[in-house]
Amino acid sequence: MGCTESNVKSTATEYLKKQMKDPSSFKVEKIEVLLDTVPLFLNKNLMSLSEKFSEAVDENNRYKDRDNYLWRKEKEKASQNLYESMVAFNLEYKLQKDKEQPYQYMVMISCSANNSYGSIVSSKYIIIVDKEDTDKVLGEYRIDSDFVKKIVASYFITGEKELKENEFGKIETDGMTTIEKFIFDE
């Protein structure tokens, strides 16, 4: 995989570099290539439904401790939205789980570059590169708090994996896949 891996890294870094405000400041701090099945939690439909579920949880929590008489309609609507978003996610999850998942290159990149104000900004990305055409990027995910929130919500809904935190609030990554470790390592 040596020459191919080098080409995959080049494709991913050039793809990101073109998106930067100051491409000349782009610097790769860490890069790892993995040829594996794309995790189900990176499915576009599931990510969208996971986001809706997360928003429904927030809305439900907003009304949870409020007076039942004054906020009855809002509480009922929030509860209904939460239920519907969970059902929609579970239906899509079962549908996607029964399908064969794609096998592609996944590039995990920690990088930095100057933003439009000239300040250095560090970011993490997962770039999916086509295993047949290593010059083609199939997907890009920026690992930020919104992304992690979607992943955590999908773990919660499916109940298949339990995220464990240590006494300081850091998620324990022992036993996780390489991509999960990359996502939760900070």
Protein backbone atom coordinates (compact mmCIF):
# COMPACT_ATOMS: atom_id res chain seq x y z
CA MET A 1 0.00 0.00 0.00
CA GLY A 2 3.12 2.26 0.14
CA CYS A 3 2.82 4.16 -3.17
CA THR A 4 -0.97 4.12 -3.02
CA GLU A 5 -0.95 5.38 0.57
CA SER A 6 1.32 8.25 -0.46
CA ASN A 7 -1.09 9.16 -3.28
CA VAL A 8 -4.08 8.99 -0.91
CA LYS A 9 -2.31 11.29 1.58
CA SER A 10 -1.46 13.71 -1.22
CA THR A 11 -5.06 13.73 -2.50
CA ALA A 12 -6.45 14.44 0.98
CA THR A 13 -3.93 17.16 1.86
CA GLU A 14 -4.30 18.93 -1.48
CA TYR A 15 -8.08 18.80 -1.13
CA LEU A 16 -7.91 20.47 2.28
CA LYS A 17 -5.23 22.92 1.23
CA LYS A 18 -7.47 24.26 -1.56
CA GLN A 19 -10.18 25.05 1.01
CA MET A 20 -7.94 27.14 3.27
CA LYS A 21 -8.07 30.94 3.37
CA ASP A 22 -4.25 30.98 3.28
CA PRO A 23 -3.16 27.75 1.54
CA SER A 24 0.53 28.64 1.91
CA SER A 25 0.16 28.42 5.73
CA PHE A 26 -1.37 24.91 5.62
CA LYS A 27 0.61 22.47 7.75
CA VAL A 28 -0.11 18.80 8.38
CA GLU A 29 0.65 17.91 11.99
CA LYS A 30 -0.42 14.27 11.90
CA ILE A 31 -1.83 12.08 9.13
CA GLU A 32 -2.92 8.44 9.08
CA VAL A 33 -4.47 6.40 6.28
CA LEU A 34 -6.82 3.52 6.91
CA LEU A 35 -8.30 1.20 4.26
CA ASP A 36 -11.42 -0.16 5.90
CA THR A 37 -15.19 -0.22 5.93
CA VAL A 38 -16.57 3.28 6.34
CA PRO A 39 -18.22 3.42 9.78
CA LEU A 40 -21.99 3.54 9.77
CA PHE A 41 -21.97 6.71 11.88
CA LEU A 42 -20.45 8.60 8.91
CA ASN A 43 -23.53 7.94 6.79
CA LYS A 44 -25.03 11.27 5.66
CA ASN A 45 -28.64 10.30 6.43
CA LEU A 46 -27.78 8.97 9.87
CA MET A 47 -25.72 12.07 10.67
CA SER A 48 -28.68 14.27 9.74
CA LEU A 49 -31.12 12.23 11.82
CA SER A 50 -28.66 12.15 14.70
CA GLU A 51 -28.50 15.95 14.60
CA LYS A 52 -32.31 16.16 14.68
CA PHE A 53 -32.38 13.81 17.66
CA SER A 54 -29.75 15.88 19.47
CA GLU A 55 -31.77 19.06 18.86
CA ALA A 56 -34.93 17.30 20.08
CA VAL A 57 -33.13 16.25 23.28
CA ASP A 58 -32.05 19.85 23.86
CA GLU A 59 -35.60 21.10 23.27
CA ASN A 60 -37.07 18.44 25.55
CA ASN A 61 -34.58 19.34 28.30
CA ARG A 62 -35.48 23.02 27.94
CA TYR A 63 -39.07 22.30 29.04
CA LYS A 64 -38.43 19.37 31.36
CA ASP A 65 -38.36 21.30 34.64
CA ARG A 66 -40.85 24.00 33.75
CA ASP A 67 -44.32 24.29 35.23
CA ASN A 68 -46.63 21.70 33.67
CA TYR A 69 -49.61 24.02 33.50
CA LEU A 70 -47.92 26.94 31.73
CA TRP A 71 -45.72 24.93 29.38
CA ARG A 72 -47.94 21.87 28.75
CA LYS A 73 -48.22 22.28 24.95
CA GLU A 74 -44.52 22.99 24.53
CA LYS A 75 -43.58 20.00 26.71
CA GLU A 76 -45.88 17.69 24.76
CA LYS A 77 -44.54 18.93 21.44
CA ALA A 78 -40.92 18.55 22.59
CA SER A 79 -41.62 15.05 23.87
CA GLN A 80 -43.32 14.09 20.60
CA ASN A 81 -40.40 15.50 18.55
CA LEU A 82 -37.96 13.50 20.66
CA TYR A 83 -39.91 10.30 20.14
CA GLU A 84 -40.31 10.87 16.39
CA SER A 85 -36.64 11.70 15.89
CA MET A 86 -35.60 8.54 17.74
CA VAL A 87 -37.96 6.38 15.69
CA ALA A 88 -36.76 7.96 12.41
CA PHE A 89 -33.13 7.39 13.36
CA ASN A 90 -33.74 3.77 14.36
CA LEU A 91 -35.58 3.02 11.11
CA GLU A 92 -32.77 4.50 9.01
CA TYR A 93 -30.16 2.78 11.15
CA LYS A 94 -31.75 -0.64 10.60
CA LEU A 95 -32.02 0.06 6.87
CA GLN A 96 -28.36 1.14 6.60
CA LYS A 97 -27.10 -1.66 8.85
CA ASP A 98 -28.59 -4.26 6.52
CA LYS A 99 -26.76 -2.75 3.54
CA GLU A 100 -23.17 -3.57 2.72
CA GLN A 101 -21.01 -0.68 3.90
CA PRO A 102 -18.47 0.82 1.47
CA TYR A 103 -14.79 -0.06 1.77
CA GLN A 104 -12.66 3.05 1.17
CA TYR A 105 -9.55 4.91 2.24
CA MET A 106 -10.11 7.09 5.27
CA VAL A 107 -7.52 9.74 5.97
CA MET A 108 -7.36 11.16 9.48
CA ILE A 109 -5.61 14.52 9.44
CA SER A 110 -4.66 16.93 12.21
CA CYS A 111 -3.60 20.19 10.59
CA SER A 112 -3.29 23.93 11.05
CA ALA A 113 -3.49 27.01 8.84
CA ASN A 114 -4.02 30.73 9.10
CA ASN A 115 -7.60 31.94 9.13
CA SER A 116 -8.77 35.13 7.38
CA TYR A 117 -7.49 37.20 10.33
CA GLY A 118 -4.00 35.68 10.13
CA SER A 119 -4.35 33.62 13.31
CA ILE A 120 -3.31 29.97 13.31
CA VAL A 121 -6.25 27.59 13.65
CA SER A 122 -5.87 23.86 14.28
CA SER A 123 -8.41 21.39 12.94
CA LYS A 124 -9.02 17.70 12.55
CA TYR A 125 -10.60 16.06 9.51
CA ILE A 126 -11.61 12.68 8.22
CA ILE A 127 -11.32 12.61 4.44
CA ILE A 128 -12.75 9.64 2.53
CA VAL A 129 -10.84 8.86 -0.66
CA ASP A 130 -12.09 6.45 -3.34
CA LYS A 131 -10.15 3.17 -3.19
CA GLU A 132 -10.52 2.68 -6.96
CA ASP A 133 -9.62 6.27 -7.96
CA THR A 134 -7.26 7.60 -5.31
CA ASP A 135 -7.42 11.09 -6.84
CA LYS A 136 -11.10 11.38 -5.93
CA VAL A 137 -12.38 12.63 -2.56
CA LEU A 138 -15.74 11.11 -1.64
CA GLY A 139 -16.36 12.87 1.65
CA GLU A 140 -15.02 15.26 4.24
CA TYR A 141 -15.84 15.55 7.92
CA ARG A 142 -14.44 18.30 10.13
CA ILE A 143 -14.12 17.02 13.67
CA ASP A 144 -15.60 19.76 15.83
CA SER A 145 -18.00 19.87 18.77
CA ASP A 146 -21.09 19.69 16.50
CA PHE A 147 -19.73 16.60 14.74
CA VAL A 148 -18.89 14.89 18.04
CA LYS A 149 -22.35 15.74 19.40
CA LYS A 150 -23.93 13.93 16.43
CA ILE A 151 -21.73 10.88 16.97
CA VAL A 152 -22.52 10.77 20.69
CA ALA A 153 -26.25 11.06 19.92
CA SER A 154 -26.07 8.16 17.47
CA TYR A 155 -24.24 6.04 20.08
CA PHE A 156 -26.94 6.90 22.60
CA ILE A 157 -29.84 6.03 20.29
CA THR A 158 -28.47 2.71 19.08
CA GLY A 159 -27.27 1.63 22.49
CA GLU A 160 -24.65 -0.54 20.79
CA LYS A 161 -21.69 1.30 22.26
CA GLU A 162 -21.43 2.97 25.60
CA LEU A 163 -19.11 5.93 25.94
CA LYS A 164 -17.27 5.82 29.23
CA GLU A 165 -15.75 8.89 30.81
CA ASN A 166 -13.01 8.97 33.39
CA GLU A 167 -13.26 11.06 36.55
CA PHE A 168 -12.07 14.14 34.63
CA GLY A 169 -14.67 13.92 31.84
CA LYS A 170 -12.35 12.48 29.16
CA ILE A 171 -13.88 9.72 27.05
CA GLU A 172 -12.07 6.41 27.47
CA THR A 173 -10.92 5.22 24.03
CA ASP A 174 -9.72 1.74 24.99
CA GLY A 175 -11.35 -0.84 22.72
CA MET A 176 -12.46 1.73 20.13
CA THR A 177 -11.65 1.62 16.43
CA THR A 178 -8.89 3.82 15.02
CA ILE A 179 -11.41 6.34 13.69
CA GLU A 180 -13.32 6.48 16.98
CA LYS A 181 -10.04 7.06 18.83
CA PHE A 182 -9.21 9.87 16.41
CA ILE A 183 -12.60 11.50 17.01
CA PHE A 184 -12.63 11.17 20.80
CA ASP A 185 -8.93 11.52 21.65
CA GLU A 186 -9.22 15.14 22.80
